[in-house]
C-alpha atoms as a PDB file:
ATOM      1  CA  MET A   1     399.934 132.218  99.442  1.00  0.00           C
ATOM      2  CA  GLY A   2     397.040 129.929  99.051  1.00  0.00           C
ATOM      3  CA  ASP A   3     396.323 130.126 102.847  1.00  0.00           C
ATOM      4  CA  PHE A   4     396.392 133.897 102.580  1.00  0.00           C
ATOM      5  CA  PHE A   5     393.733 133.926  99.859  1.00  0.00           C
ATOM      6  CA  ARG A   6     391.537 131.524 101.809  1.00  0.00           C
ATOM      7  CA  ARG A   7     391.737 133.665 104.828  1.00  0.00           C
ATOM      8  CA  HIS A   8     391.275 136.954 103.103  1.00  0.00           C
ATOM      9  CA  ARG A   9     389.225 135.894 100.132  1.00  0.00           C
ATOM     10  CA  PHE A  10     385.977 137.711 101.160  1.00  0.00           C
ATOM     11  CA  ARG A  11     387.904 140.952 101.832  1.00  0.00           C
ATOM     12  CA  ILE A  12     389.627 140.882  98.465  1.00  0.00           C
ATOM     13  CA  ILE A  13     386.313 140.376  96.598  1.00  0.00           C
ATOM     14  CA  ILE A  14     384.758 143.349  98.536  1.00  0.00           C
ATOM     15  CA  LEU A  15     387.753 145.623  97.627  1.00  0.00           C
ATOM     16  CA  VAL A  16     387.625 144.521  93.834  1.00  0.00           C
ATOM     17  CA  ILE A  17     383.855 145.311  93.849  1.00  0.00           C
ATOM     18  CA  ALA A  18     384.483 148.729  95.545  1.00  0.00           C
ATOM     19  CA  LEU A  19     387.239 149.485  93.007  1.00  0.00           C
ATOM     20  CA  LEU A  20     384.982 148.733  90.144  1.00  0.00           C
ATOM     21  CA  ILE A  21     382.232 150.904  91.549  1.00  0.00           C
ATOM     22  CA  GLY A  22     384.605 153.705  92.037  1.00  0.00           C
ATOM     23  CA  ILE A  23     385.766 153.537  88.467  1.00  0.00           C
ATOM     24  CA  MET A  24     382.094 153.567  87.312  1.00  0.00           C
ATOM     25  CA  LEU A  25     381.319 156.668  89.506  1.00  0.00           C
ATOM     26  CA  TYR A  26     384.488 158.357  88.159  1.00  0.00           C
ATOM     27  CA  SER A  27     383.342 157.689  84.535  1.00  0.00           C
ATOM     28  CA  VAL A  28     379.908 159.234  85.417  1.00  0.00           C
ATOM     29  CA  THR A  29     381.595 162.384  86.811  1.00  0.00           C
ATOM     30  CA  ARG A  30     383.623 162.714  83.612  1.00  0.00           C
ATOM     31  CA  GLY A  31     380.403 163.221  81.756  1.00  0.00           C
ATOM     32  CA  GLY A  32     380.320 159.669  80.403  1.00  0.00           C
ATOM     33  CA  ARG A  33     383.738 160.043  78.609  1.00  0.00           C
ATOM     34  CA  ALA A  34     385.719 156.826  78.276  1.00  0.00           C
ATOM     35  CA  ILE A  35     388.766 156.408  80.494  1.00  0.00           C
ATOM     36  CA  PRO A  36     391.733 154.181  80.000  1.00  0.00           C
ATOM     37  CA  GLY A  37     390.955 150.547  80.800  1.00  0.00           C
ATOM     38  CA  SER A  38     387.204 150.979  80.208  1.00  0.00           C
ATOM     39  CA  GLY A  39     387.327 148.063  77.807  1.00  0.00           C
ATOM     40  CA  ILE A  40     388.616 145.828  80.631  1.00  0.00           C
ATOM     41  CA  ILE A  41     385.938 147.237  82.925  1.00  0.00           C
ATOM     42  CA  ASN A  42     383.178 146.538  80.455  1.00  0.00           C
ATOM     43  CA  ALA A  43     384.472 143.044  79.885  1.00  0.00           C
ATOM     44  CA  VAL A  44     384.107 142.585  83.603  1.00  0.00           C
ATOM     45  CA  MET A  45     380.863 144.472  84.181  1.00  0.00           C
ATOM     46  CA  ASN A  46     378.878 143.261  81.105  1.00  0.00           C
ATOM     47  CA  PRO A  47     378.519 139.643  82.189  1.00  0.00           C
ATOM     48  CA  LEU A  48     377.459 140.970  85.709  1.00  0.00           C
ATOM     49  CA  LYS A  49     374.941 143.256  84.059  1.00  0.00           C
ATOM     50  CA  GLU A  50     373.511 140.412  81.909  1.00  0.00           C
ATOM     51  CA  THR A  51     373.263 138.230  85.024  1.00  0.00           C
ATOM     52  CA  VAL A  52     371.488 140.936  86.893  1.00  0.00           C
ATOM     53  CA  ASN A  53     369.081 141.642  83.909  1.00  0.00           C
ATOM     54  CA  GLY A  54     368.477 137.874  83.456  1.00  0.00           C
ATOM     55  CA  PHE A  55     367.688 137.564  87.211  1.00  0.00           C
ATOM     56  CA  SER A  56     365.371 140.524  86.960  1.00  0.00           C
ATOM     57  CA  ASN A  57     363.535 139.243  83.842  1.00  0.00           C
ATOM     58  CA  ASP A  58     363.179 135.747  85.512  1.00  0.00           C
ATOM     59  CA  SER A  59     361.749 137.401  88.631  1.00  0.00           C
ATOM     60  CA  GLU A  60     359.233 139.380  86.529  1.00  0.00           C
ATOM     61  CA  SER A  61     358.247 136.257  84.695  1.00  0.00           C
ATOM     62  CA  LEU A  62     357.809 134.265  87.892  1.00  0.00           C
ATOM     63  CA  LEU A  63     355.842 137.089  89.535  1.00  0.00           C
ATOM     64  CA  SER A  64     353.605 137.339  86.325  1.00  0.00           C
ATOM     65  CA  SER A  65     352.981 133.588  86.303  1.00  0.00           C
ATOM     66  CA  PHE A  66     352.075 133.630  90.018  1.00  0.00           C
ATOM     67  CA  THR A  67     349.678 136.549  89.428  1.00  0.00           C
ATOM     68  CA  GLU A  68     348.153 134.900  86.432  1.00  0.00           C
ATOM     69  CA  GLY A  69     347.802 131.654  88.420  1.00  0.00           C
ATOM     70  CA  LYS A  70     345.949 133.488  91.141  1.00  0.00           C
ATOM     71  CA  ASN A  71     343.666 135.007  88.483  1.00  0.00           C
ATOM     72  CA  TYR A  72     343.024 131.736  86.822  1.00  0.00           C
ATOM     73  CA  GLN A  73     342.109 130.256  90.320  1.00  0.00           C
ATOM     74  CA  SER A  74     339.812 133.032  90.965  1.00  0.00           C
ATOM     75  CA  GLU A  75     338.074 132.513  87.574  1.00  0.00           C
ATOM     76  CA  ILE A  76     337.829 128.762  88.309  1.00  0.00           C
ATOM     77  CA  GLU A  77     336.094 129.411  91.621  1.00  0.00           C
ATOM     78  CA  LYS A  78     333.756 131.896  89.948  1.00  0.00           C
ATOM     79  CA  LEU A  79     332.878 129.395  87.323  1.00  0.00           C
ATOM     80  CA  LYS A  80     332.319 126.675  90.032  1.00  0.00           C
ATOM     81  CA  LYS A  81     329.866 128.991  91.847  1.00  0.00           C
ATOM     82  CA  GLU A  82     328.000 129.876  88.692  1.00  0.00           C
ATOM     83  CA  ASN A  83     327.765 126.134  87.813  1.00  0.00           C
ATOM     84  CA  ALA A  84     326.281 125.293  91.241  1.00  0.00           C
ATOM     85  CA  GLU A  85     323.811 128.127  90.859  1.00  0.00           C
ATOM     86  CA  LEU A  86     322.653 126.744  87.447  1.00  0.00           C
ATOM     87  CA  LYS A  87     322.381 123.285  88.810  1.00  0.00           C
ATOM     88  CA  ASN A  88     320.091 124.597  91.592  1.00  0.00           C
ATOM     89  CA  GLU A  89     317.900 126.494  89.164  1.00  0.00           C
ATOM     90  CA  LEU A  90     317.675 123.323  87.051  1.00  0.00           C
ATOM     91  CA  ILE A  91     316.552 121.205  90.063  1.00  0.00           C
ATOM     92  CA  ASP A  92     313.980 123.929  90.859  1.00  0.00           C
ATOM     93  CA  PHE A  93     312.792 123.876  87.358  1.00  0.00           C
ATOM     94  CA  GLU A  94     312.466 120.031  87.357  1.00  0.00           C
ATOM     95  CA  ASP A  95     310.680 120.102  90.631  1.00  0.00           C
ATOM     96  CA  THR A  96     308.153 122.680  89.161  1.00  0.00           C
ATOM     97  CA  LYS A  97     307.821 120.506  86.044  1.00  0.00           C
ATOM     98  CA  GLN A  98     307.143 117.380  88.135  1.00  0.00           C
ATOM     99  CA  GLN A  99     304.569 119.325  90.198  1.00  0.00           C
ATOM    100  CA  LEU A 100     302.865 120.541  87.164  1.00  0.00           C
ATOM    101  CA  ALA A 101     302.773 117.033  85.679  1.00  0.00           C
ATOM    102  CA  GLU A 102     301.244 115.628  88.753  1.00  0.00           C
ATOM    103  CA  LEU A 103     298.555 118.370  88.906  1.00  0.00           C
ATOM    104  CA  GLN A 104     297.745 117.599  85.355  1.00  0.00           C
ATOM    105  CA  GLN A 105     297.318 113.867  86.306  1.00  0.00           C
ATOM    106  CA  PHE A 106     295.083 114.763  89.158  1.00  0.00           C
ATOM    107  CA  MET A 107     292.990 116.974  86.889  1.00  0.00           C
ATOM    108  CA  ASP A 108     292.720 114.092  84.506  1.00  0.00           C
ATOM    109  CA  ILE A 109     291.501 111.875  87.419  1.00  0.00           C
ATOM    110  CA  LYS A 110     288.785 114.441  88.350  1.00  0.00           C
ATOM    111  CA  GLU A 111     287.699 114.562  84.663  1.00  0.00           C
ATOM    112  CA  GLU A 112     287.515 110.661  84.494  1.00  0.00           C
ATOM    113  CA  HIS A 113     286.013 110.062  87.891  1.00  0.00           C
ATOM    114  CA  LYS A 114     283.698 113.057  88.560  1.00  0.00           C
ATOM    115  CA  GLU A 115     281.672 111.529  91.427  1.00  0.00           C
ATOM    116  CA  PRO A 116     284.403 111.420  94.130  1.00  0.00           C
ATOM    117  CA  THR A 117     285.460 114.435  96.165  1.00  0.00           C
ATOM    118  CA  TYR A 118     289.283 114.868  96.291  1.00  0.00           C
ATOM    119  CA  SER A 119     291.592 116.497  98.657  1.00  0.00           C
ATOM    120  CA  ALA A 120     294.267 119.016  97.533  1.00  0.00           C
ATOM    121  CA  PRO A 121     297.549 117.261  96.425  1.00  0.00           C
ATOM    122  CA  CYS A 122     299.497 116.098  99.468  1.00  0.00           C
ATOM    123  CA  THR A 123     303.312 115.872  99.583  1.00  0.00           C
ATOM    124  CA  ILE A 124     305.026 112.795 100.892  1.00  0.00           C
ATOM    125  CA  ILE A 125     307.234 114.070 103.827  1.00  0.00           C
ATOM    126  CA  GLY A 126     308.534 110.770 105.246  1.00  0.00           C
ATOM    127  CA  TYR A 127     308.436 107.065 105.358  1.00  0.00           C
ATOM    128  CA  VAL A 128     307.573 104.717 108.237  1.00  0.00           C
ATOM    129  CA  ALA A 129     310.785 103.223 109.522  1.00  0.00           C
ATOM    130  CA  ASN A 130     311.306  99.446 109.221  1.00  0.00           C
ATOM    131  CA  ASP A 131     307.987  98.897 107.388  1.00  0.00           C
ATOM    132  CA  PRO A 132     308.403  96.176 104.816  1.00  0.00           C
ATOM    133  CA  TYR A 133     305.224  97.464 103.100  1.00  0.00           C
ATOM    134  CA  HIS A 134     306.439 100.979 102.505  1.00  0.00           C
ATOM    135  CA  SER A 135     304.025 103.099 104.394  1.00  0.00           C
ATOM    136  CA  PHE A 136     304.655 106.804 104.200  1.00  0.00           C
ATOM    137  CA  ILE A 137     303.492 110.138 105.744  1.00  0.00           C
ATOM    138  CA  ILE A 138     301.757 113.027 103.999  1.00  0.00           C
ATOM    139  CA  ASN A 139     301.627 116.688 104.980  1.00  0.00           C
ATOM    140  CA  LYS A 140     297.818 116.973 105.171  1.00  0.00           C
ATOM    141  CA  GLY A 141     295.386 115.661 107.779  1.00  0.00           C
ATOM    142  CA  GLN A 142     292.064 116.220 109.520  1.00  0.00           C
ATOM    143  CA  ASP A 143     292.261 120.049 109.141  1.00  0.00           C
ATOM    144  CA  ASP A 144     292.320 119.369 105.288  1.00  0.00           C
ATOM    145  CA  GLY A 145     289.150 117.207 105.419  1.00  0.00           C
ATOM    146  CA  ILE A 146     290.980 113.878 105.321  1.00  0.00           C
ATOM    147  CA  SER A 147     289.793 110.927 107.500  1.00  0.00           C
ATOM    148  CA  ILE A 148     290.866 107.496 108.534  1.00  0.00           C
ATOM    149  CA  HIS A 149     290.537 104.844 105.718  1.00  0.00           C
ATOM    150  CA  ASP A 150     290.313 107.520 102.839  1.00  0.00           C
ATOM    151  CA  PRO A 151     291.676 106.049  99.791  1.00  0.00           C
ATOM    152  CA  ILE A 152     295.058 107.504  98.490  1.00  0.00           C
ATOM    153  CA  ILE A 153     295.751 107.720  94.732  1.00  0.00           C
ATOM    154  CA  THR A 154     298.076 109.307  92.227  1.00  0.00           C
ATOM    155  CA  GLY A 155     297.492 110.181  88.571  1.00  0.00           C
ATOM    156  CA  GLU A 156     298.593 106.612  87.722  1.00  0.00           C
ATOM    157  CA  GLY A 157     296.421 104.546  89.997  1.00  0.00           C
ATOM    158  CA  ILE A 158     295.616 103.588  93.626  1.00  0.00           C
ATOM    159  CA  VAL A 159     298.253 103.713  96.413  1.00  0.00           C
ATOM    160  CA  GLY A 160     296.649 102.651  99.696  1.00  0.00           C
ATOM    161  CA  ILE A 161     294.477 104.144 102.509  1.00  0.00           C
ATOM    162  CA  VAL A 162     294.954 106.410 105.527  1.00  0.00           C
ATOM    163  CA  SER A 163     295.782 104.235 108.481  1.00  0.00           C
ATOM    164  CA  SER A 164     296.384 106.938 111.120  1.00  0.00           C
ATOM    165  CA  ILE A 165     295.875 110.691 111.132  1.00  0.00           C
ATOM    166  CA  SER A 166     296.635 114.005 113.056  1.00  0.00           C
ATOM    167  CA  SER A 167     295.387 117.566 112.397  1.00  0.00           C
ATOM    168  CA  ASN A 168     298.042 118.253 109.770  1.00  0.00           C
ATOM    169  CA  SER A 169     299.519 114.864 108.791  1.00  0.00           C
ATOM    170  CA  ALA A 170     298.515 111.340 107.943  1.00  0.00           C
ATOM    171  CA  THR A 171     300.064 107.946 107.474  1.00  0.00           C
ATOM    172  CA  VAL A 172     299.333 105.913 104.426  1.00  0.00           C
ATOM    173  CA  GLU A 173     299.353 102.141 104.418  1.00  0.00           C
ATOM    174  CA  THR A 174     299.886 100.927 100.905  1.00  0.00           C
ATOM    175  CA  ILE A 175     298.283  98.193  98.866  1.00  0.00           C
ATOM    176  CA  LEU A 176     301.484  96.100  99.302  1.00  0.00           C
ATOM    177  CA  SER A 177     300.373  95.412 102.898  1.00  0.00           C
ATOM    178  CA  PRO A 178     298.330  92.265 103.820  1.00  0.00           C
ATOM    179  CA  ASN A 179     296.246  94.418 106.328  1.00  0.00           C
ATOM    180  CA  LEU A 180     294.202  95.823 103.311  1.00  0.00           C
ATOM    181  CA  SER A 181     291.535  93.754 101.358  1.00  0.00           C
ATOM    182  CA  ILE A 182     290.373  95.757  98.314  1.00  0.00           C
ATOM    183  CA  GLY A 183     287.796  94.485  95.814  1.00  0.00           C
ATOM    184  CA  ALA A 184     289.459  93.971  92.450  1.00  0.00           C
ATOM    185  CA  ILE A 185     288.098  93.035  88.968  1.00  0.00           C
ATOM    186  CA  SER A 186     289.606  92.531  85.530  1.00  0.00           C
ATOM    187  CA  ALA A 187     289.292  95.388  83.109  1.00  0.00           C
ATOM    188  CA  ASP A 188     286.825  93.306  81.007  1.00  0.00           C
ATOM    189  CA  ASN A 189     284.624  92.681  84.101  1.00  0.00           C
ATOM    190  CA  LYS A 190     284.912  88.988  83.792  1.00  0.00           C
ATOM    191  CA  TYR A 191     286.955  87.995  86.884  1.00  0.00           C
ATOM    192  CA  THR A 192     286.824  89.283  90.447  1.00  0.00           C
ATOM    193  CA  GLY A 193     288.937  88.798  93.446  1.00  0.00           C
ATOM    194  CA  ILE A 194     290.418  90.601  96.492  1.00  0.00           C
ATOM    195  CA  LEU A 195     293.614  92.611  96.354  1.00  0.00           C
ATOM    196  CA  GLU A 196     295.988  92.131  99.310  1.00  0.00           C
ATOM    197  CA  GLY A 197     299.650  92.375 100.045  1.00  0.00           C
ATOM    198  CA  GLU A 198     302.191  89.690 100.839  1.00  0.00           C
ATOM    199  CA  ILE A 199     305.599  90.266 102.451  1.00  0.00           C
ATOM    200  CA  LEU A 200     307.742  88.448  99.873  1.00  0.00           C
ATOM    201  CA  LEU A 201     305.981  90.293  97.040  1.00  0.00           C
ATOM    202  CA  ALA A 202     306.167  93.618  98.772  1.00  0.00           C
ATOM    203  CA  ALA A 203     309.956  93.556  98.679  1.00  0.00           C
ATOM    204  CA  ASP A 204     309.544  94.035  94.817  1.00  0.00           C
ATOM    205  CA  TYR A 205     306.742  96.474  95.146  1.00  0.00           C
ATOM    206  CA  LYS A 206     304.169  93.828  94.096  1.00  0.00           C
ATOM    207  CA  CYS A 207     300.874  92.514  95.565  1.00  0.00           C
ATOM    208  CA  ARG A 208     298.325  89.823  94.615  1.00  0.00           C
ATOM    209  CA  MET A 209     294.776  89.256  93.605  1.00  0.00           C
ATOM    210  CA  ILE A 210     293.456  86.320  95.367  1.00  0.00           C
ATOM    211  CA  TYR A 211     290.191  84.092  95.368  1.00  0.00           C
ATOM    212  CA  LEU A 212     290.379  83.440  91.547  1.00  0.00           C
ATOM    213  CA  ASP A 213     288.646  80.349  90.285  1.00  0.00           C
ATOM    214  CA  ARG A 214     290.798  77.385  89.409  1.00  0.00           C
ATOM    215  CA  ASP A 215     289.686  77.696  85.886  1.00  0.00           C
ATOM    216  CA  THR A 216     290.102  81.479  85.605  1.00  0.00           C
ATOM    217  CA  LYS A 217     291.113  82.703  82.247  1.00  0.00           C
ATOM    218  CA  LEU A 218     292.854  85.784  83.651  1.00  0.00           C
ATOM    219  CA  LYS A 219     296.306  85.986  82.079  1.00  0.00           C
ATOM    220  CA  GLU A 220     299.543  87.771  82.089  1.00  0.00           C
ATOM    221  CA  GLY A 221     299.222  91.450  80.930  1.00  0.00           C
ATOM    222  CA  ASP A 222     295.525  91.817  81.817  1.00  0.00           C
ATOM    223  CA  LEU A 223     294.654  95.084  83.637  1.00  0.00           C
ATOM    224  CA  VAL A 224     292.964  95.014  86.980  1.00  0.00           C
ATOM    225  CA  THR A 225     290.919  97.815  88.546  1.00  0.00           C
ATOM    226  CA  THR A 226     289.017  98.439  91.852  1.00  0.00           C
ATOM    227  CA  SER A 227     285.531  96.896  92.054  1.00  0.00           C
ATOM    228  CA  SER A 228     284.118  98.629  95.111  1.00  0.00           C
ATOM    229  CA  ALA A 229     283.241  95.194  96.545  1.00  0.00           C
ATOM    230  CA  SER A 230     284.991  95.898  99.860  1.00  0.00           C
ATOM    231  CA  GLY A 231     283.754  99.482 100.168  1.00  0.00           C
ATOM    232  CA  MET A 232     287.327 100.670 100.638  1.00  0.00           C
ATOM    233  CA  PHE A 233     287.714 102.126  97.178  1.00  0.00           C
ATOM    234  CA  PRO A 234     285.389 103.631  94.648  1.00  0.00           C
ATOM    235  CA  LYS A 235     285.033 101.441  91.355  1.00  0.00           C
ATOM    236  CA  GLY A 236     287.081 101.797  88.236  1.00  0.00           C
ATOM    237  CA  PHE A 237     290.478 103.004  89.576  1.00  0.00           C
ATOM    238  CA  LEU A 238     293.468 101.283  88.057  1.00  0.00           C
ATOM    239  CA  ILE A 239     295.426  98.889  90.182  1.00  0.00           C
ATOM    240  CA  GLY A 240     298.032  97.321  87.845  1.00  0.00           C
ATOM    241  CA  THR A 241     298.707  94.506  85.516  1.00  0.00           C
ATOM    242  CA  VAL A 242     298.813  90.703  85.842  1.00  0.00           C
ATOM    243  CA  GLU A 243     302.366  89.531  85.980  1.00  0.00           C
ATOM    244  CA  SER A 244     301.612  85.763  86.493  1.00  0.00           C
ATOM    245  CA  ILE A 245     298.921  83.259  87.655  1.00  0.00           C
ATOM    246  CA  GLU A 246     299.742  80.917  90.539  1.00  0.00           C
ATOM    247  CA  THR A 247     297.961  78.335  92.592  1.00  0.00           C
ATOM    248  CA  MET A 248     297.225  78.942  96.300  1.00  0.00           C
ATOM    249  CA  ASP A 249     298.774  76.602  98.801  1.00  0.00           C
ATOM    250  CA  SER A 250     295.444  74.957  99.456  1.00  0.00           C
ATOM    251  CA  GLY A 251     295.179  74.086  95.734  1.00  0.00           C
ATOM    252  CA  LEU A 252     291.522  75.043  95.831  1.00  0.00           C
ATOM    253  CA  SER A 253     291.925  78.450  93.980  1.00  0.00           C
ATOM    254  CA  LYS A 254     294.460  80.673  92.184  1.00  0.00           C
ATOM    255  CA  TYR A 255     295.841  84.130  92.583  1.00  0.00           C
ATOM    256  CA  ALA A 256     297.441  86.654  90.245  1.00  0.00           C
ATOM    257  CA  VAL A 257     300.508  88.434  91.063  1.00  0.00           C
ATOM    258  CA  ILE A 258     299.965  92.092  90.317  1.00  0.00           C
ATOM    259  CA  ASP A 259     302.390  94.663  89.158  1.00  0.00           C
ATOM    260  CA  PRO A 260     301.024  98.009  90.280  1.00  0.00           C
ATOM    261  CA  VAL A 261     300.957 100.808  87.846  1.00  0.00           C
ATOM    262  CA  VAL A 262     302.111 103.275  90.607  1.00  0.00           C
ATOM    263  CA  ASP A 263     305.948 103.649  90.961  1.00  0.00           C
ATOM    264  CA  PHE A 264     306.159 103.532  94.783  1.00  0.00           C
ATOM    265  CA  GLU A 265     309.818 104.512  94.692  1.00  0.00           C
ATOM    266  CA  ALA A 266     309.237 107.639  92.564  1.00  0.00           C
ATOM    267  CA  MET A 267     306.110 109.133  94.217  1.00  0.00           C
ATOM    268  CA  THR A 268     306.495 112.686  95.550  1.00  0.00           C
ATOM    269  CA  SER A 269     302.805 113.568  95.978  1.00  0.00           C
ATOM    270  CA  VAL A 270     299.330 111.897  96.342  1.00  0.00           C
ATOM    271  CA  VAL A 271     295.650 112.792  96.485  1.00  0.00           C
ATOM    272  CA  ALA A 272     293.027 111.519  99.096  1.00  0.00           C
ATOM    273  CA  ILE A 273     289.571 110.561  98.028  1.00  0.00           C
ATOM    274  CA  ILE A 274     287.629 112.060 100.912  1.00  0.00           C
ATOM    275  CA  ASP A 275     284.060 111.062  99.786  1.00  0.00           C
ATOM    276  CA  TYR A 276     282.499 108.896  97.069  1.00  0.00           C
ATOM    277  CA  PRO A 277     279.230 106.980  96.539  1.00  0.00           C
ATOM    278  CA  GLY A 278     279.111 103.704  98.521  1.00  0.00           C
ATOM    279  CA  LYS A 279     281.892 104.692 100.824  1.00  0.00           C
ATOM    280  CA  GLY A 280     282.218 102.197 103.668  1.00  0.00           C
ATOM    281  CA  GLU A 281     279.621  99.980 102.189  1.00  0.00           C
ATOM    282  CA  SER A 282     280.855  96.445 101.728  1.00  0.00           C
ATOM    283  CA  ASN A 283     279.208  94.317  98.965  1.00  0.00           C
ATOM    284  CA  GLU A 284     279.978  90.738  99.815  1.00  0.00           C
END
């Protein structure tokens, strides 16, 4: 008997289901009136109905969760896009704010130093590769009235000079380079020297003021400005502050390590001084 059911189990199940469906249809055709054995049928069918209803509810819940998940993902993507747009607007705002601050600094320079003639603000568009003295390239050149050896400044102080030029761009060699020799003087006009770069100091964005007397009273924290002695810069532009006083290798004189007021790493634009009284006139 067990073998029989195992062989014909599926057929028996189909017959039972067909019988139950037939009884249900018959009940419907009787106008919904109860028939004998309906209690047994309900006892059999109710668990089946509950199972089907439970499966239906679970399916609806799963579909609803899937749909809500897609909606959440869509909202997240939308918020990410809006966040990126706001960040871009903030960057544009900060750039505009920086440009306005720099323009204000240049206006202050013109107010303080009225005699020189200045170029329009120049944007830094690149840096010279493998240059330990941090030379850079600006987006203006001969067509904008700029010439070789024109001094370059920011609203903070001096930066360097134009070392090469084309019609619409120029390369600026900074005061960190030993190729420049610029007349320098302490802010109280007591101590003079020559500003020049040095490779070890340039790594830290510093330079030095050489040819100081052995008994110089120049000290840490003193301000140093241009003196116009070399003819490369007009007088009175700020260079930086004295960081320390050291003795030259010869032992015959001293030099001051200068910390420039210009932040070379943060510069975005500069101005060229295209003309000034005493330009090119060296005062030994």
